[in-house]
Amino acid sequence: MAVSLRLTAEKLLDVNSSWLSPRIGCGQMLSGIPRYSGSEVLRDVMREYGYDIVHADKQATKLLDNNDSLVRTFCSNFEGTKMPIKVNYRSAFGLKDLFLVLDLITKSAYFIASPESKLALNNYFRDAMPGLMQNFKVTLGGSTNRLTPIGWQNLHDVMTEGNFRIDFPEVQKIEIMSTLPGARWRQPTLEVGVQLMNFTEAKAIRLTIFKEVRKIA
């Protein structure tokens, strides 16, 4: 199965703002997006979904304000069937060049459509990694510059699906290797190949790591 960037495939991304710096990259981009003051009904529905603050960049604001029927569809789907937000969003806005960012930490939602905002969003997983690694008390080194946005997404998913710290307490450092085809355990360092991270699904990567650290054939 081909590996895809979640943002591209779903046009929606869950983020953890506590892992981002508001001064650089994706964190800076999100902190600069103004609050959305358009459709009050849309803002009310987003509050019902648990997102008290709604933001939209200039291009997204224009798209929302000029597509009242889509906004009504989104709101009606919630009011009528309590459709989950991700299903509802893709049903109403899936054909539009619009992205939705959800941050449960600050209960904020961001509608994004401008090219520069989307470019920053593509690098969310890379920009979140220092905070994530600090949270898990694992250091990261090696050829990280060789990781693609999908590679960073995979690294994020490997760390956050389940509990990496509990599952692999022996690992103190992850080293990204440019020539290694798979994974290699050199306690306390886990070496992971660039190719594995960029072109393999996160679940398969996690299984490879598990077999290597536990020395299972």
Protein backbone atom coordinates (compact mmCIF):
# COMPACT_ATOMS: atom_id res chain seq x y z
CA MET A 1 0.00 0.00 0.00
CA ALA A 2 1.34 3.42 -0.98
CA VAL A 3 2.27 5.72 1.87
CA SER A 4 0.57 9.11 1.72
CA LEU A 5 0.79 12.38 3.58
CA ARG A 6 -2.25 12.57 5.82
CA LEU A 7 -2.79 16.25 5.10
CA THR A 8 -2.98 15.61 1.35
CA ALA A 9 -5.19 12.55 1.64
CA GLU A 10 -7.65 13.85 4.24
CA LYS A 11 -7.33 17.66 3.90
CA LEU A 12 -7.46 17.64 7.68
CA LEU A 13 -4.78 17.49 10.36
CA ASP A 14 -4.76 17.04 14.13
CA VAL A 15 -1.96 19.05 15.73
CA ASN A 16 -0.52 19.46 19.20
CA SER A 17 0.40 23.12 19.63
CA SER A 18 2.36 22.38 22.81
CA TRP A 19 5.00 20.76 20.60
CA LEU A 20 5.32 23.81 18.32
CA SER A 21 7.26 27.03 18.68
CA PRO A 22 5.16 30.12 17.85
CA ARG A 23 8.31 31.75 16.48
CA ILE A 24 9.18 29.40 13.61
CA GLY A 25 7.63 27.21 10.91
CA CYS A 26 4.18 25.76 11.34
CA GLY A 27 3.78 27.20 14.83
CA GLN A 28 4.49 30.71 13.58
CA MET A 29 2.07 30.23 10.69
CA LEU A 30 -0.78 29.07 12.92
CA SER A 31 -0.21 31.82 15.48
CA GLY A 32 -0.52 34.42 12.70
CA ILE A 33 -3.91 33.27 11.35
CA PRO A 34 -6.69 35.66 12.44
CA ARG A 35 -9.95 34.62 14.04
CA TYR A 36 -12.82 33.91 11.69
CA SER A 37 -15.66 36.39 12.12
CA GLY A 38 -17.92 35.08 9.35
CA SER A 39 -20.82 32.63 9.69
CA GLU A 40 -21.96 32.59 13.31
CA VAL A 41 -23.71 29.26 12.75
CA LEU A 42 -20.45 27.68 11.59
CA ARG A 43 -18.68 29.00 14.68
CA ASP A 44 -21.47 27.66 16.89
CA VAL A 45 -21.19 24.20 15.30
CA MET A 46 -17.43 24.20 15.78
CA ARG A 47 -17.98 25.01 19.46
CA GLU A 48 -20.34 22.06 19.69
CA TYR A 49 -17.57 19.92 18.25
CA GLY A 50 -15.28 21.16 21.04
CA TYR A 51 -13.38 23.90 19.21
CA ASP A 52 -14.16 27.19 20.92
CA ILE A 53 -11.93 29.35 18.72
CA VAL A 54 -12.12 29.34 14.92
CA HIS A 55 -9.42 30.86 12.72
CA ALA A 56 -9.25 31.28 8.95
CA ASP A 57 -6.61 32.75 6.68
CA LYS A 58 -7.63 35.34 4.10
CA GLN A 59 -8.13 32.84 1.28
CA ALA A 60 -10.05 30.42 3.48
CA THR A 61 -12.30 33.23 4.75
CA LYS A 62 -13.15 34.16 1.17
CA LEU A 63 -13.91 30.54 0.30
CA LEU A 64 -16.16 30.04 3.33
CA ASP A 65 -18.00 33.31 2.81
CA ASN A 66 -18.56 32.62 -0.91
CA ASN A 67 -19.80 29.04 -0.46
CA ASP A 68 -22.77 29.45 1.83
CA SER A 69 -24.39 26.22 0.60
CA LEU A 70 -21.35 24.16 1.67
CA VAL A 71 -21.28 25.84 5.08
CA ARG A 72 -25.00 25.09 5.46
CA THR A 73 -24.39 21.45 4.50
CA PHE A 74 -21.65 21.16 7.11
CA CYS A 75 -23.85 22.69 9.81
CA SER A 76 -26.92 20.66 8.82
CA ASN A 77 -24.93 17.42 8.92
CA PHE A 78 -24.07 18.13 12.53
CA GLU A 79 -27.46 19.39 13.59
CA GLY A 80 -29.33 16.56 11.90
CA THR A 81 -27.18 13.48 12.51
CA LYS A 82 -24.32 14.63 14.81
CA MET A 83 -21.96 13.46 12.07
CA PRO A 84 -18.34 13.22 13.35
CA ILE A 85 -16.35 16.31 12.43
CA LYS A 86 -13.82 14.60 10.15
CA VAL A 87 -16.48 12.77 8.15
CA ASN A 88 -18.60 15.91 8.02
CA TYR A 89 -15.74 18.10 6.88
CA ARG A 90 -14.74 15.78 4.05
CA SER A 91 -18.39 15.38 3.02
CA ALA A 92 -19.02 19.14 2.83
CA PHE A 93 -15.65 20.58 1.79
CA GLY A 94 -13.74 17.63 0.35
CA LEU A 95 -13.77 18.93 -3.22
CA LYS A 96 -12.55 22.40 -2.25
CA ASP A 97 -8.91 23.44 -1.89
CA LEU A 98 -9.43 23.97 1.83
CA PHE A 99 -7.71 22.39 4.81
CA LEU A 100 -8.84 22.08 8.42
CA VAL A 101 -6.41 21.99 11.34
CA LEU A 102 -7.69 20.83 14.74
CA ASP A 103 -5.84 21.58 17.96
CA LEU A 104 -7.45 20.04 21.04
CA ILE A 105 -4.79 21.58 23.31
CA THR A 106 -6.15 25.09 22.75
CA LYS A 107 -9.60 23.97 21.49
CA SER A 108 -8.85 25.84 18.27
CA ALA A 109 -9.72 25.11 14.65
CA TYR A 110 -7.99 26.64 11.63
CA PHE A 111 -9.34 26.82 8.09
CA ILE A 112 -6.41 27.15 5.70
CA ALA A 113 -6.35 27.75 1.94
CA SER A 114 -3.40 30.01 1.12
CA PRO A 115 -0.40 28.29 -0.55
CA GLU A 116 2.12 29.64 1.96
CA SER A 117 0.06 28.39 4.91
CA LYS A 118 -0.30 24.94 3.32
CA LEU A 119 3.45 24.80 2.71
CA ALA A 120 4.11 25.44 6.40
CA LEU A 121 1.48 22.87 7.34
CA ASN A 122 3.24 20.22 5.25
CA ASN A 123 6.14 20.52 7.69
CA TYR A 124 4.06 20.19 10.86
CA PHE A 125 5.51 16.80 11.82
CA ARG A 126 9.08 18.04 11.37
CA ASP A 127 8.42 21.19 13.39
CA ALA A 128 6.63 19.26 16.16
CA MET A 129 9.40 16.69 16.56
CA PRO A 130 11.63 18.56 19.10
CA GLY A 131 8.70 18.98 21.47
CA LEU A 132 7.50 15.43 20.93
CA MET A 133 10.95 13.96 21.54
CA GLN A 134 11.38 16.04 24.68
CA ASN A 135 8.02 14.75 25.91
CA PHE A 136 9.15 11.14 25.37
CA LYS A 137 12.65 11.83 26.72
CA VAL A 138 14.28 10.51 23.54
CA THR A 139 16.91 12.36 21.52
CA LEU A 140 17.00 12.42 17.72
CA GLY A 141 20.06 12.57 15.51
CA GLY A 142 21.62 11.44 12.26
CA SER A 143 20.52 12.26 8.71
CA THR A 144 17.22 13.90 9.62
CA ASN A 145 17.62 16.27 6.65
CA ARG A 146 16.97 13.25 4.40
CA LEU A 147 13.48 12.69 5.80
CA THR A 148 10.57 13.75 3.59
CA PRO A 149 7.30 15.12 5.06
CA ILE A 150 6.04 11.52 4.94
CA GLY A 151 9.15 10.36 6.79
CA TRP A 152 8.52 12.91 9.54
CA GLN A 153 4.86 11.86 9.67
CA ASN A 154 5.93 8.23 10.05
CA LEU A 155 8.36 9.09 12.83
CA HIS A 156 5.58 10.98 14.62
CA ASP A 157 3.18 8.05 14.24
CA VAL A 158 5.76 5.51 15.40
CA MET A 159 6.24 7.56 18.56
CA THR A 160 2.59 8.34 19.29
CA GLU A 161 0.63 5.24 18.22
CA GLY A 162 0.59 3.30 21.47
CA ASN A 163 3.17 4.55 23.97
CA PHE A 164 6.73 4.45 22.69
CA ARG A 165 8.22 5.20 26.10
CA ILE A 166 6.41 2.25 27.70
CA ASP A 167 6.86 -0.12 24.74
CA PHE A 168 10.56 0.67 24.24
CA PRO A 169 11.99 1.94 27.56
CA GLU A 170 15.49 0.87 26.45
CA VAL A 171 15.59 3.41 23.61
CA GLN A 172 17.24 6.66 24.61
CA LYS A 173 18.17 7.90 21.14
CA ILE A 174 16.89 7.47 17.59
CA GLU A 175 19.49 7.85 14.85
CA ILE A 176 18.31 8.33 11.25
CA MET A 177 20.74 6.51 8.93
CA SER A 178 21.13 7.30 5.24
CA THR A 179 22.41 3.87 4.14
CA LEU A 180 20.74 1.46 6.56
CA PRO A 181 17.90 -0.45 4.79
CA GLY A 182 15.91 -1.26 7.93
CA ALA A 183 16.45 -0.84 11.66
CA ARG A 184 19.37 -1.73 13.94
CA TRP A 185 19.47 -1.82 17.72
CA ARG A 186 22.70 -0.67 19.37
CA GLN A 187 21.66 -0.07 22.95
CA PRO A 188 20.71 2.60 23.92
CA THR A 189 20.49 3.85 20.30
CA LEU A 190 17.91 2.73 17.75
CA GLU A 191 19.15 3.25 14.21
CA VAL A 192 16.46 3.59 11.54
CA GLY A 193 17.04 3.84 7.80
CA VAL A 194 15.87 6.83 5.75
CA GLN A 195 14.31 4.59 3.12
CA LEU A 196 12.33 2.72 5.77
CA MET A 197 10.97 5.96 7.21
CA ASN A 198 10.13 7.61 3.88
CA PHE A 199 8.54 4.70 2.03
CA THR A 200 6.98 2.35 4.59
CA GLU A 201 3.76 2.60 6.58
CA ALA A 202 4.17 3.55 10.24
CA LYS A 203 2.68 0.27 11.52
CA ALA A 204 5.19 -1.74 9.49
CA ILE A 205 8.04 0.45 10.74
CA ARG A 206 6.91 -0.07 14.33
CA LEU A 207 6.82 -3.84 13.78
CA THR A 208 10.33 -3.73 12.31
CA ILE A 209 11.56 -1.78 15.35
CA PHE A 210 9.83 -4.18 17.74
CA LYS A 211 11.43 -7.21 16.11
CA GLU A 212 14.86 -5.56 16.13
CA VAL A 213 14.80 -4.33 19.74
CA ARG A 214 13.29 -7.57 21.03
CA LYS A 215 15.45 -9.65 18.65
CA ILE A 216 12.46 -11.57 17.30
CA ALA A 217 12.99 -13.43 14.02
